[in-house]
Amino acid sequence: MLGWALTFLLLALVAGMLDFFALAGVAAMIAKVLLLVFLVLLVISFFGGRFRRTPPL
């Protein structure tokens, strides 16, 4: 998911340099949403794994 966010960020930067501002805005918004989802899942995974009773093998 982080890879997709970075891909859309790169797409937004390239589109902005080439004056495709509508495409750059959409790609930047998608990158923000994907980054937010990634961070939320990372925090959930961290706290979910922290409270396990048995250590992973």
N, C-alpha and C. Protein backbone atom coordinates (compact mmCIF):
# COMPACT_ATOMS: atom_id res chain seq x y z
N MET A 1 0.82 -1.19 0.00
CA MET A 1 0.00 0.00 0.00
C MET A 1 0.87 1.25 0.00
N LEU A 2 1.97 1.19 0.74
CA LEU A 2 2.88 2.32 0.75
C LEU A 2 3.48 2.53 -0.63
N GLY A 3 3.73 1.45 -1.33
CA GLY A 3 4.25 1.55 -2.70
C GLY A 3 3.28 2.26 -3.63
N TRP A 4 2.01 1.97 -3.48
CA TRP A 4 1.00 2.64 -4.30
C TRP A 4 0.93 4.12 -3.98
N ALA A 5 1.02 4.46 -2.71
CA ALA A 5 0.99 5.87 -2.31
C ALA A 5 2.17 6.62 -2.90
N LEU A 6 3.35 6.02 -2.85
CA LEU A 6 4.52 6.67 -3.44
C LEU A 6 4.41 6.77 -4.96
N THR A 7 3.80 5.78 -5.59
CA THR A 7 3.59 5.83 -7.04
C THR A 7 2.67 6.99 -7.42
N PHE A 8 1.58 7.15 -6.69
CA PHE A 8 0.65 8.25 -7.00
C PHE A 8 1.28 9.60 -6.66
N LEU A 9 2.13 9.65 -5.64
CA LEU A 9 2.84 10.88 -5.34
C LEU A 9 3.78 11.26 -6.48
N LEU A 10 4.49 10.29 -7.00
CA LEU A 10 5.38 10.54 -8.14
C LEU A 10 4.58 10.97 -9.37
N LEU A 11 3.44 10.32 -9.60
CA LEU A 11 2.58 10.70 -10.71
C LEU A 11 2.08 12.14 -10.55
N ALA A 12 1.73 12.52 -9.34
CA ALA A 12 1.26 13.88 -9.09
C ALA A 12 2.37 14.90 -9.35
N LEU A 13 3.57 14.58 -8.93
CA LEU A 13 4.70 15.49 -9.16
C LEU A 13 5.00 15.66 -10.64
N VAL A 14 5.00 14.56 -11.38
CA VAL A 14 5.27 14.63 -12.82
C VAL A 14 4.15 15.36 -13.54
N ALA A 15 2.91 15.09 -13.17
CA ALA A 15 1.78 15.76 -13.81
C ALA A 15 1.79 17.25 -13.50
N GLY A 16 2.20 17.62 -12.30
CA GLY A 16 2.29 19.03 -11.95
C GLY A 16 3.37 19.74 -12.74
N MET A 17 4.48 19.07 -12.97
CA MET A 17 5.55 19.68 -13.77
C MET A 17 5.16 19.84 -15.23
N LEU A 18 4.28 18.96 -15.71
CA LEU A 18 3.85 19.02 -17.11
C LEU A 18 2.56 19.82 -17.28
N ASP A 19 2.14 20.55 -16.25
CA ASP A 19 0.96 21.42 -16.27
C ASP A 19 -0.36 20.69 -16.43
N PHE A 20 -0.43 19.46 -15.97
CA PHE A 20 -1.70 18.74 -15.91
C PHE A 20 -2.20 18.84 -14.47
N PHE A 21 -2.71 20.02 -14.11
CA PHE A 21 -3.02 20.27 -12.70
C PHE A 21 -4.20 19.47 -12.20
N ALA A 22 -5.17 19.17 -13.05
CA ALA A 22 -6.31 18.37 -12.60
C ALA A 22 -5.85 16.95 -12.27
N LEU A 23 -5.05 16.38 -13.13
CA LEU A 23 -4.52 15.03 -12.89
C LEU A 23 -3.61 15.03 -11.67
N ALA A 24 -2.83 16.08 -11.50
CA ALA A 24 -1.93 16.17 -10.35
C ALA A 24 -2.74 16.25 -9.05
N GLY A 25 -3.82 16.99 -9.05
CA GLY A 25 -4.65 17.09 -7.86
C GLY A 25 -5.30 15.77 -7.49
N VAL A 26 -5.80 15.08 -8.48
CA VAL A 26 -6.44 13.77 -8.23
C VAL A 26 -5.41 12.77 -7.73
N ALA A 27 -4.25 12.73 -8.36
CA ALA A 27 -3.21 11.78 -7.95
C ALA A 27 -2.71 12.11 -6.54
N ALA A 28 -2.59 13.39 -6.22
CA ALA A 28 -2.15 13.76 -4.87
C ALA A 28 -3.20 13.37 -3.83
N MET A 29 -4.46 13.53 -4.15
CA MET A 29 -5.51 13.15 -3.21
C MET A 29 -5.52 11.64 -2.99
N ILE A 30 -5.35 10.87 -4.05
CA ILE A 30 -5.28 9.41 -3.91
C ILE A 30 -4.08 9.01 -3.08
N ALA A 31 -2.94 9.67 -3.30
CA ALA A 31 -1.74 9.38 -2.51
C ALA A 31 -1.97 9.68 -1.04
N LYS A 32 -2.65 10.78 -0.72
CA LYS A 32 -2.93 11.12 0.67
C LYS A 32 -3.83 10.07 1.33
N VAL A 33 -4.86 9.65 0.61
CA VAL A 33 -5.79 8.66 1.17
C VAL A 33 -5.07 7.33 1.40
N LEU A 34 -4.26 6.91 0.43
CA LEU A 34 -3.54 5.64 0.58
C LEU A 34 -2.53 5.71 1.72
N LEU A 35 -1.87 6.84 1.88
CA LEU A 35 -0.93 6.99 2.98
C LEU A 35 -1.65 6.95 4.32
N LEU A 36 -2.80 7.59 4.40
CA LEU A 36 -3.58 7.57 5.64
C LEU A 36 -4.04 6.15 5.97
N VAL A 37 -4.52 5.41 4.98
CA VAL A 37 -4.95 4.02 5.20
C VAL A 37 -3.76 3.18 5.65
N PHE A 38 -2.60 3.38 5.01
CA PHE A 38 -1.41 2.65 5.40
C PHE A 38 -1.05 2.92 6.86
N LEU A 39 -1.07 4.19 7.26
CA LEU A 39 -0.70 4.53 8.63
C LEU A 39 -1.69 3.96 9.65
N VAL A 40 -2.98 4.00 9.32
CA VAL A 40 -3.99 3.44 10.23
C VAL A 40 -3.79 1.93 10.38
N LEU A 41 -3.56 1.24 9.28
CA LEU A 41 -3.34 -0.20 9.35
C LEU A 41 -2.04 -0.54 10.07
N LEU A 42 -1.03 0.31 9.93
CA LEU A 42 0.23 0.10 10.63
C LEU A 42 0.03 0.21 12.14
N VAL A 43 -0.71 1.21 12.58
CA VAL A 43 -0.96 1.38 14.02
C VAL A 43 -1.81 0.24 14.55
N ILE A 44 -2.82 -0.16 13.81
CA ILE A 44 -3.66 -1.29 14.24
C ILE A 44 -2.83 -2.56 14.33
N SER A 45 -1.97 -2.79 13.36
CA SER A 45 -1.12 -3.97 13.37
C SER A 45 -0.14 -3.93 14.54
N PHE A 46 0.42 -2.76 14.82
CA PHE A 46 1.36 -2.64 15.93
C PHE A 46 0.70 -2.96 17.26
N PHE A 47 -0.45 -2.35 17.51
CA PHE A 47 -1.12 -2.59 18.78
C PHE A 47 -1.77 -3.96 18.85
N GLY A 48 -2.20 -4.49 17.72
CA GLY A 48 -2.77 -5.83 17.72
C GLY A 48 -1.72 -6.88 18.00
N GLY A 49 -0.53 -6.71 17.48
CA GLY A 49 0.55 -7.66 17.73
C GLY A 49 1.16 -7.50 19.10
N ARG A 50 1.04 -6.33 19.67
CA ARG A 50 1.63 -6.05 20.98
C ARG A 50 0.89 -6.76 22.11
N PHE A 51 -0.40 -6.96 21.95
CA PHE A 51 -1.21 -7.54 23.01
C PHE A 51 -1.49 -9.03 22.81
N ARG A 52 -0.72 -9.67 21.95
CA ARG A 52 -0.87 -11.12 21.78
C ARG A 52 -0.28 -11.83 22.98
N ARG A 53 -0.89 -12.97 23.34
CA ARG A 53 -0.41 -13.71 24.51
C ARG A 53 0.82 -14.54 24.18
N THR A 54 0.81 -15.20 23.05
CA THR A 54 1.93 -16.07 22.70
C THR A 54 2.85 -15.36 21.71
N PRO A 55 4.15 -15.50 21.86
CA PRO A 55 5.06 -14.87 20.90
C PRO A 55 4.99 -15.58 19.56
N PRO A 56 5.20 -14.86 18.47
CA PRO A 56 5.16 -15.51 17.15
C PRO A 56 6.34 -16.45 16.98
N LEU A 57 6.15 -17.50 16.21
CA LEU A 57 7.21 -18.49 16.01
C LEU A 57 8.16 -18.07 14.94
